[in-house]
Amino acid sequence: MLSSNGIGVMAVAAVSGSVVLIVLQMHRRMVLEFMKKLESELGEKTYQPKKKVRFAADVIEPSSNNKEYRNRRSAKFSANYNKLAATV
């Protein structure tokens, strides 16, 4: 009898916790929708177009197999590394 009461209390706690979480999610959504409607009515929100990405002219796009790209990068790295090693 004692274990069935414990199971009942656990079930009630689980159900009430689930209800609380669902109500909180619904409240959040309702507040967000209300704020969106309010902003649109007041006209405070303005449309800003997305900025376009522009790459530098010297950006190298790797070839399909990437061997050429890796060879260039490793050659530059080794040249810079040799310069730094010579100064030390």
PDB file of N, CA and C in Angstrom:
ATOM      1  N   MET A   1       0.818  -1.191   0.000  1.00  0.00           N
ATOM      2  CA  MET A   1       0.000   0.000   0.000  1.00  0.00           C
ATOM      3  C   MET A   1       0.861   1.254   0.000  1.00  0.00           C
ATOM      4  N   LEU A   2       1.951   1.200   0.742  1.00  0.00           N
ATOM      5  CA  LEU A   2       2.824   2.357   0.835  1.00  0.00           C
ATOM      6  C   LEU A   2       3.504   2.647  -0.498  1.00  0.00           C
ATOM      7  N   SER A   3       3.890   1.625  -1.227  1.00  0.00           N
ATOM      8  CA  SER A   3       4.570   1.836  -2.494  1.00  0.00           C
ATOM      9  C   SER A   3       3.611   2.385  -3.546  1.00  0.00           C
ATOM     10  N   SER A   4       2.327   2.000  -3.489  1.00  0.00           N
ATOM     11  CA  SER A   4       1.376   2.520  -4.464  1.00  0.00           C
ATOM     12  C   SER A   4       1.128   4.006  -4.233  1.00  0.00           C
ATOM     13  N   ASN A   5       1.183   4.466  -2.990  1.00  0.00           N
ATOM     14  CA  ASN A   5       1.036   5.900  -2.700  1.00  0.00           C
ATOM     15  C   ASN A   5       2.237   6.676  -3.231  1.00  0.00           C
ATOM     16  N   GLY A   6       3.412   6.089  -3.094  1.00  0.00           N
ATOM     17  CA  GLY A   6       4.625   6.728  -3.603  1.00  0.00           C
ATOM     18  C   GLY A   6       4.600   6.838  -5.110  1.00  0.00           C
ATOM     19  N   ILE A   7       4.115   5.790  -5.764  1.00  0.00           N
ATOM     20  CA  ILE A   7       4.013   5.816  -7.229  1.00  0.00           C
ATOM     21  C   ILE A   7       2.994   6.853  -7.659  1.00  0.00           C
ATOM     22  N   GLY A   8       1.893   6.946  -6.915  1.00  0.00           N
ATOM     23  CA  GLY A   8       0.867   7.938  -7.234  1.00  0.00           C
ATOM     24  C   GLY A   8       1.392   9.355  -7.101  1.00  0.00           C
ATOM     25  N   VAL A   9       2.170   9.611  -6.055  1.00  0.00           N
ATOM     26  CA  VAL A   9       2.748  10.942  -5.846  1.00  0.00           C
ATOM     27  C   VAL A   9       3.735  11.261  -6.958  1.00  0.00           C
ATOM     28  N   MET A  10       4.519  10.273  -7.349  1.00  0.00           N
ATOM     29  CA  MET A  10       5.479  10.486  -8.431  1.00  0.00           C
ATOM     30  C   MET A  10       4.761  10.770  -9.749  1.00  0.00           C
ATOM     31  N   ALA A  11       3.658  10.068  -9.988  1.00  0.00           N
ATOM     32  CA  ALA A  11       2.899  10.292 -11.218  1.00  0.00           C
ATOM     33  C   ALA A  11       2.299  11.688 -11.231  1.00  0.00           C
ATOM     34  N   VAL A  12       1.750  12.115 -10.107  1.00  0.00           N
ATOM     35  CA  VAL A  12       1.176  13.460 -10.016  1.00  0.00           C
ATOM     36  C   VAL A  12       2.251  14.513 -10.223  1.00  0.00           C
ATOM     37  N   ALA A  13       3.428  14.304  -9.653  1.00  0.00           N
ATOM     38  CA  ALA A  13       4.522  15.257  -9.818  1.00  0.00           C
ATOM     39  C   ALA A  13       4.968  15.330 -11.268  1.00  0.00           C
ATOM     40  N   ALA A  14       5.040  14.184 -11.930  1.00  0.00           N
ATOM     41  CA  ALA A  14       5.467  14.170 -13.335  1.00  0.00           C
ATOM     42  C   ALA A  14       4.448  14.869 -14.220  1.00  0.00           C
ATOM     43  N   VAL A  15       3.176  14.606 -14.000  1.00  0.00           N
ATOM     44  CA  VAL A  15       2.128  15.223 -14.815  1.00  0.00           C
ATOM     45  C   VAL A  15       2.071  16.723 -14.567  1.00  0.00           C
ATOM     46  N   SER A  16       2.133  17.131 -13.305  1.00  0.00           N
ATOM     47  CA  SER A  16       2.065  18.564 -13.018  1.00  0.00           C
ATOM     48  C   SER A  16       3.303  19.287 -13.550  1.00  0.00           C
ATOM     49  N   GLY A  17       4.453  18.647 -13.493  1.00  0.00           N
ATOM     50  CA  GLY A  17       5.664  19.253 -14.057  1.00  0.00           C
ATOM     51  C   GLY A  17       5.551  19.423 -15.560  1.00  0.00           C
ATOM     52  N   SER A  18       4.986  18.419 -16.220  1.00  0.00           N
ATOM     53  CA  SER A  18       4.788  18.510 -17.671  1.00  0.00           C
ATOM     54  C   SER A  18       3.818  19.626 -18.019  1.00  0.00           C
ATOM     55  N   VAL A  19       2.755  19.740 -17.246  1.00  0.00           N
ATOM     56  CA  VAL A  19       1.777  20.805 -17.491  1.00  0.00           C
ATOM     57  C   VAL A  19       2.430  22.170 -17.318  1.00  0.00           C
ATOM     58  N   VAL A  20       3.244  22.313 -16.297  1.00  0.00           N
ATOM     59  CA  VAL A  20       3.927  23.595 -16.064  1.00  0.00           C
ATOM     60  C   VAL A  20       4.837  23.932 -17.239  1.00  0.00           C
ATOM     61  N   LEU A  21       5.592  22.966 -17.735  1.00  0.00           N
ATOM     62  CA  LEU A  21       6.482  23.218 -18.870  1.00  0.00           C
ATOM     63  C   LEU A  21       5.703  23.594 -20.125  1.00  0.00           C
ATOM     64  N   ILE A  22       4.603  22.925 -20.374  1.00  0.00           N
ATOM     65  CA  ILE A  22       3.783  23.240 -21.550  1.00  0.00           C
ATOM     66  C   ILE A  22       3.201  24.642 -21.439  1.00  0.00           C
ATOM     67  N   VAL A  23       2.722  24.999 -20.252  1.00  0.00           N
ATOM     68  CA  VAL A  23       2.149  26.341 -20.058  1.00  0.00           C
ATOM     69  C   VAL A  23       3.216  27.412 -20.240  1.00  0.00           C
ATOM     70  N   LEU A  24       4.428  27.177 -19.753  1.00  0.00           N
ATOM     71  CA  LEU A  24       5.506  28.151 -19.924  1.00  0.00           C
ATOM     72  C   LEU A  24       5.850  28.348 -21.398  1.00  0.00           C
ATOM     73  N   GLN A  25       5.912  27.253 -22.159  1.00  0.00           N
ATOM     74  CA  GLN A  25       6.201  27.358 -23.591  1.00  0.00           C
ATOM     75  C   GLN A  25       5.105  28.129 -24.309  1.00  0.00           C
ATOM     76  N   MET A  26       3.847  27.844 -23.979  1.00  0.00           N
ATOM     77  CA  MET A  26       2.731  28.558 -24.605  1.00  0.00           C
ATOM     78  C   MET A  26       2.785  30.044 -24.262  1.00  0.00           C
ATOM     79  N   HIS A  27       3.118  30.353 -23.016  1.00  0.00           N
ATOM     80  CA  HIS A  27       3.190  31.755 -22.596  1.00  0.00           C
ATOM     81  C   HIS A  27       4.288  32.486 -23.360  1.00  0.00           C
ATOM     82  N   ARG A  28       5.441  31.835 -23.510  1.00  0.00           N
ATOM     83  CA  ARG A  28       6.552  32.439 -24.255  1.00  0.00           C
ATOM     84  C   ARG A  28       6.156  32.751 -25.695  1.00  0.00           C
ATOM     85  N   ARG A  29       5.512  31.794 -26.337  1.00  0.00           N
ATOM     86  CA  ARG A  29       5.098  31.996 -27.726  1.00  0.00           C
ATOM     87  C   ARG A  29       4.072  33.110 -27.841  1.00  0.00           C
ATOM     88  N   MET A  30       3.140  33.144 -26.905  1.00  0.00           N
ATOM     89  CA  MET A  30       2.107  34.186 -26.952  1.00  0.00           C
ATOM     90  C   MET A  30       2.723  35.567 -26.767  1.00  0.00           C
ATOM     91  N   VAL A  31       3.686  35.683 -25.871  1.00  0.00           N
ATOM     92  CA  VAL A  31       4.346  36.973 -25.645  1.00  0.00           C
ATOM     93  C   VAL A  31       5.121  37.394 -26.889  1.00  0.00           C
ATOM     94  N   LEU A  32       5.834  36.451 -27.528  1.00  0.00           N
ATOM     95  CA  LEU A  32       6.587  36.778 -28.735  1.00  0.00           C
ATOM     96  C   LEU A  32       5.663  37.231 -29.861  1.00  0.00           C
ATOM     97  N   GLU A  33       4.551  36.523 -30.057  1.00  0.00           N
ATOM     98  CA  GLU A  33       3.600  36.918 -31.093  1.00  0.00           C
ATOM     99  C   GLU A  33       3.012  38.291 -30.799  1.00  0.00           C
ATOM    100  N   PHE A  34       2.697  38.549 -29.526  1.00  0.00           N
ATOM    101  CA  PHE A  34       2.152  39.852 -29.154  1.00  0.00           C
ATOM    102  C   PHE A  34       3.156  40.965 -29.422  1.00  0.00           C
ATOM    103  N   MET A  35       4.412  40.734 -29.081  1.00  0.00           N
ATOM    104  CA  MET A  35       5.434  41.756 -29.307  1.00  0.00           C
ATOM    105  C   MET A  35       5.632  42.014 -30.801  1.00  0.00           C
ATOM    106  N   LYS A  36       5.578  40.967 -31.623  1.00  0.00           N
ATOM    107  CA  LYS A  36       5.711  41.154 -33.062  1.00  0.00           C
ATOM    108  C   LYS A  36       4.565  41.978 -33.613  1.00  0.00           C
ATOM    109  N   LYS A  37       3.355  41.668 -33.174  1.00  0.00           N
ATOM    110  CA  LYS A  37       2.193  42.426 -33.632  1.00  0.00           C
ATOM    111  C   LYS A  37       2.279  43.875 -33.180  1.00  0.00           C
ATOM    112  N   LEU A  38       2.702  44.080 -31.959  1.00  0.00           N
ATOM    113  CA  LEU A  38       2.812  45.435 -31.425  1.00  0.00           C
ATOM    114  C   LEU A  38       3.855  46.238 -32.196  1.00  0.00           C
ATOM    115  N   GLU A  39       4.998  45.623 -32.486  1.00  0.00           N
ATOM    116  CA  GLU A  39       6.041  46.320 -33.245  1.00  0.00           C
ATOM    117  C   GLU A  39       5.573  46.651 -34.655  1.00  0.00           C
ATOM    118  N   SER A  40       4.843  45.730 -35.273  1.00  0.00           N
ATOM    119  CA  SER A  40       4.380  45.989 -36.636  1.00  0.00           C
ATOM    120  C   SER A  40       3.325  47.093 -36.656  1.00  0.00           C
ATOM    121  N   GLU A  41       2.487  47.166 -35.625  1.00  0.00           N
ATOM    122  CA  GLU A  41       1.477  48.220 -35.566  1.00  0.00           C
ATOM    123  C   GLU A  41       2.100  49.584 -35.300  1.00  0.00           C
ATOM    124  N   LEU A  42       3.103  49.605 -34.454  1.00  0.00           N
ATOM    125  CA  LEU A  42       3.739  50.882 -34.130  1.00  0.00           C
ATOM    126  C   LEU A  42       4.722  51.311 -35.207  1.00  0.00           C
ATOM    127  N   GLY A  43       5.154  50.397 -36.030  1.00  0.00           N
ATOM    128  CA  GLY A  43       6.061  50.728 -37.120  1.00  0.00           C
ATOM    129  C   GLY A  43       7.488  50.941 -36.681  1.00  0.00           C
ATOM    130  N   GLU A  44       7.854  50.439 -35.523  1.00  0.00           N
ATOM    131  CA  GLU A  44       9.214  50.622 -35.030  1.00  0.00           C
ATOM    132  C   GLU A  44      10.210  49.721 -35.751  1.00  0.00           C
ATOM    133  N   LYS A  45       9.745  48.591 -36.187  1.00  0.00           N
ATOM    134  CA  LYS A  45      10.657  47.657 -36.832  1.00  0.00           C
ATOM    135  C   LYS A  45      10.794  48.017 -38.302  1.00  0.00           C
ATOM    136  N   THR A  46      12.004  48.281 -38.724  1.00  0.00           N
ATOM    137  CA  THR A  46      12.247  48.630 -40.117  1.00  0.00           C
ATOM    138  C   THR A  46      12.959  47.478 -40.803  1.00  0.00           C
ATOM    139  N   TYR A  47      12.741  47.364 -42.080  1.00  0.00           N
ATOM    140  CA  TYR A  47      13.375  46.304 -42.858  1.00  0.00           C
ATOM    141  C   TYR A  47      14.788  46.703 -43.199  1.00  0.00           C
ATOM    142  N   GLN A  48      15.735  45.830 -42.871  1.00  0.00           N
ATOM    143  CA  GLN A  48      17.126  46.069 -43.219  1.00  0.00           C
ATOM    144  C   GLN A  48      17.592  44.907 -44.086  1.00  0.00           C
ATOM    145  N   PRO A  49      17.993  45.195 -45.315  1.00  0.00           N
ATOM    146  CA  PRO A  49      18.435  44.103 -46.179  1.00  0.00           C
ATOM    147  C   PRO A  49      19.722  43.484 -45.637  1.00  0.00           C
ATOM    148  N   LYS A  50      19.906  42.206 -45.938  1.00  0.00           N
ATOM    149  CA  LYS A  50      21.111  41.518 -45.485  1.00  0.00           C
ATOM    150  C   LYS A  50      22.317  42.021 -46.260  1.00  0.00           C
ATOM    151  N   LYS A  51      23.431  42.093 -45.568  1.00  0.00           N
ATOM    152  CA  LYS A  51      24.658  42.534 -46.215  1.00  0.00           C
ATOM    153  C   LYS A  51      25.214  41.403 -47.071  1.00  0.00           C
ATOM    154  N   LYS A  52      25.722  41.772 -48.220  1.00  0.00           N
ATOM    155  CA  LYS A  52      26.304  40.780 -49.108  1.00  0.00           C
ATOM    156  C   LYS A  52      27.770  40.585 -48.764  1.00  0.00           C
ATOM    157  N   VAL A  53      28.223  39.376 -48.869  1.00  0.00           N
ATOM    158  CA  VAL A  53      29.613  39.039 -48.573  1.00  0.00           C
ATOM    159  C   VAL A  53      30.448  39.275 -49.816  1.00  0.00           C
ATOM    160  N   ARG A  54      31.541  39.989 -49.642  1.00  0.00           N
ATOM    161  CA  ARG A  54      32.473  40.227 -50.745  1.00  0.00           C
ATOM    162  C   ARG A  54      33.836  39.704 -50.342  1.00  0.00           C
ATOM    163  N   PHE A  55      34.366  38.851 -51.175  1.00  0.00           N
ATOM    164  CA  PHE A  55      35.674  38.285 -50.898  1.00  0.00           C
ATOM    165  C   PHE A  55      36.753  39.133 -51.556  1.00  0.00           C
ATOM    166  N   ALA A  56      37.943  39.065 -51.005  1.00  0.00           N
ATOM    167  CA  ALA A  56      39.066  39.799 -51.564  1.00  0.00           C
ATOM    168  C   ALA A  56      39.430  39.228 -52.923  1.00  0.00           C
ATOM    169  N   ALA A  57      40.075  40.048 -53.732  1.00  0.00           N
ATOM    170  CA  ALA A  57      40.424  39.620 -55.085  1.00  0.00           C
ATOM    171  C   ALA A  57      41.486  38.522 -55.080  1.00  0.00           C
ATOM    172  N   ASP A  58      42.326  38.475 -54.035  1.00  0.00           N
ATOM    173  CA  ASP A  58      43.413  37.501 -54.019  1.00  0.00           C
ATOM    174  C   ASP A  58      43.047  36.173 -53.342  1.00  0.00           C
ATOM    175  N   VAL A  59      41.772  35.952 -53.090  1.00  0.00           N
ATOM    176  CA  VAL A  59      41.347  34.695 -52.485  1.00  0.00           C
ATOM    177  C   VAL A  59      41.480  33.590 -53.514  1.00  0.00           C
ATOM    178  N   ILE A  60      42.140  32.518 -53.110  1.00  0.00           N
ATOM    179  CA  ILE A  60      42.383  31.404 -54.013  1.00  0.00           C
ATOM    180  C   ILE A  60      41.368  30.318 -53.714  1.00  0.00           C
ATOM    181  N   GLU A  61      40.635  29.930 -54.733  1.00  0.00           N
ATOM    182  CA  GLU A  61      39.712  28.825 -54.557  1.00  0.00           C
ATOM    183  C   GLU A  61      40.461  27.535 -54.867  1.00  0.00           C
ATOM    184  N   PRO A  62      40.400  26.576 -53.969  1.00  0.00           N
ATOM    185  CA  PRO A  62      41.156  25.348 -54.188  1.00  0.00           C
ATOM    186  C   PRO A  62      40.638  24.587 -55.403  1.00  0.00           C
ATOM    187  N   SER A  63      41.542  23.862 -56.030  1.00  0.00           N
ATOM    188  CA  SER A  63      41.150  23.044 -57.180  1.00  0.00           C
ATOM    189  C   SER A  63      40.311  21.871 -56.700  1.00  0.00           C
ATOM    190  N   SER A  64      39.825  21.099 -57.629  1.00  0.00           N
ATOM    191  CA  SER A  64      38.918  20.020 -57.259  1.00  0.00           C
ATOM    192  C   SER A  64      39.582  18.960 -56.379  1.00  0.00           C
ATOM    193  N   ASN A  65      40.859  18.712 -56.587  1.00  0.00           N
ATOM    194  CA  ASN A  65      41.528  17.692 -55.773  1.00  0.00           C
ATOM    195  C   ASN A  65      42.350  18.301 -54.635  1.00  0.00           C
ATOM    196  N   ASN A  66      42.431  19.623 -54.568  1.00  0.00           N
ATOM    197  CA  ASN A  66      43.088  20.362 -53.486  1.00  0.00           C
ATOM    198  C   ASN A  66      44.598  20.167 -53.405  1.00  0.00           C
ATOM    199  N   LYS A  67      45.208  19.415 -54.301  1.00  0.00           N
ATOM    200  CA  LYS A  67      46.660  19.218 -54.233  1.00  0.00           C
ATOM    201  C   LYS A  67      47.406  20.507 -54.530  1.00  0.00           C
ATOM    202  N   GLU A  68      46.984  21.218 -55.551  1.00  0.00           N
ATOM    203  CA  GLU A  68      47.643  22.476 -55.917  1.00  0.00           C
ATOM    204  C   GLU A  68      47.530  23.489 -54.781  1.00  0.00           C
ATOM    205  N   TYR A  69      46.361  23.573 -54.193  1.00  0.00           N
ATOM    206  CA  TYR A  69      46.129  24.506 -53.096  1.00  0.00           C
ATOM    207  C   TYR A  69      47.020  24.171 -51.899  1.00  0.00           C
ATOM    208  N   ARG A  70      47.086  22.889 -51.537  1.00  0.00           N
ATOM    209  CA  ARG A  70      47.923  22.483 -50.413  1.00  0.00           C
ATOM    210  C   ARG A  70      49.398  22.722 -50.702  1.00  0.00           C
ATOM    211  N   ASN A  71      49.821  22.502 -51.937  1.00  0.00           N
ATOM    212  CA  ASN A  71      51.220  22.735 -52.286  1.00  0.00           C
ATOM    213  C   ASN A  71      51.573  24.208 -52.161  1.00  0.00           C
ATOM    214  N   ARG A  72      50.690  25.093 -52.610  1.00  0.00           N
ATOM    215  CA  ARG A  72      50.945  26.539 -52.486  1.00  0.00           C
ATOM    216  C   ARG A  72      51.014  26.949 -51.021  1.00  0.00           C
ATOM    217  N   ARG A  73      50.051  26.457 -50.231  1.00  0.00           N
ATOM    218  CA  ARG A  73      50.016  26.829 -48.816  1.00  0.00           C
ATOM    219  C   ARG A  73      51.242  26.317 -48.076  1.00  0.00           C
ATOM    220  N   SER A  74      51.661  25.098 -48.349  1.00  0.00           N
ATOM    221  CA  SER A  74      52.818  24.545 -47.653  1.00  0.00           C
ATOM    222  C   SER A  74      54.100  25.252 -48.096  1.00  0.00           C
ATOM    223  N   ALA A  75      54.192  25.666 -49.363  1.00  0.00           N
ATOM    224  CA  ALA A  75      55.365  26.387 -49.842  1.00  0.00           C
ATOM    225  C   ALA A  75      55.467  27.750 -49.165  1.00  0.00           C
ATOM    226  N   LYS A  76      54.334  28.438 -49.022  1.00  0.00           N
ATOM    227  CA  LYS A  76      54.343  29.742 -48.342  1.00  0.00           C
ATOM    228  C   LYS A  76      54.717  29.575 -46.878  1.00  0.00           C
ATOM    229  N   PHE A  77      54.173  28.544 -46.238  1.00  0.00           N
ATOM    230  CA  PHE A  77      54.461  28.322 -44.827  1.00  0.00           C
ATOM    231  C   PHE A  77      55.934  28.017 -44.618  1.00  0.00           C
ATOM    232  N   SER A  78      56.498  27.154 -45.460  1.00  0.00           N
ATOM    233  CA  SER A  78      57.895  26.787 -45.279  1.00  0.00           C
ATOM    234  C   SER A  78      58.820  27.967 -45.570  1.00  0.00           C
ATOM    235  N   ALA A  79      58.448  28.832 -46.541  1.00  0.00           N
ATOM    236  CA  ALA A  79      59.264  30.004 -46.818  1.00  0.00           C
ATOM    237  C   ALA A  79      59.244  30.971 -45.633  1.00  0.00           C
ATOM    238  N   ASN A  80      58.069  31.197 -45.048  1.00  0.00           N
ATOM    239  CA  ASN A  80      57.982  32.072 -43.881  1.00  0.00           C
ATOM    240  C   ASN A  80      58.690  31.472 -42.680  1.00  0.00           C
ATOM    241  N   TYR A  81      58.597  30.168 -42.532  1.00  0.00           N
ATOM    242  CA  TYR A  81      59.248  29.499 -41.412  1.00  0.00           C
ATOM    243  C   TYR A  81      60.764  29.601 -41.556  1.00  0.00           C
ATOM    244  N   ASN A  82      61.274  29.459 -42.757  1.00  0.00           N
ATOM    245  CA  ASN A  82      62.724  29.565 -42.978  1.00  0.00           C
ATOM    246  C   ASN A  82      63.206  30.970 -42.695  1.00  0.00           C
ATOM    247  N   LYS A  83      62.430  31.997 -43.065  1.00  0.00           N
ATOM    248  CA  LYS A  83      62.804  33.380 -42.777  1.00  0.00           C
ATOM    249  C   LYS A  83      62.871  33.619 -41.273  1.00  0.00           C
ATOM    250  N   LEU A  84      61.874  33.103 -40.539  1.00  0.00           N
ATOM    251  CA  LEU A  84      61.863  33.292 -39.104  1.00  0.00           C
ATOM    252  C   LEU A  84      63.013  32.530 -38.430  1.00  0.00           C
ATOM    253  N   ALA A  85      63.312  31.348 -38.928  1.00  0.00           N
ATOM    254  CA  ALA A  85      64.402  30.553 -38.354  1.00  0.00           C
ATOM    255  C   ALA A  85      65.747  31.218 -38.602  1.00  0.00           C
ATOM    256  N   ALA A  86      65.893  31.894 -39.725  1.00  0.00           N
ATOM    257  CA  ALA A  86      67.164  32.555 -40.041  1.00  0.00           C
ATOM    258  C   ALA A  86      67.383  33.774 -39.163  1.00  0.00           C
ATOM    259  N   THR A  87      66.329  34.442 -38.732  1.00  0.00           N
ATOM    260  CA  THR A  87      66.479  35.637 -37.911  1.00  0.00           C
ATOM    261  C   THR A  87      66.778  35.293 -36.470  1.00  0.00           C
ATOM    262  N   VAL A  88      66.457  34.076 -36.027  1.00  0.00           N
ATOM    263  CA  VAL A  88      66.667  33.706 -34.621  1.00  0.00           C
ATOM    264  C   VAL A  88      68.024  33.207 -34.394  1.00  0.00           C
TER     265      VAL A  88
END
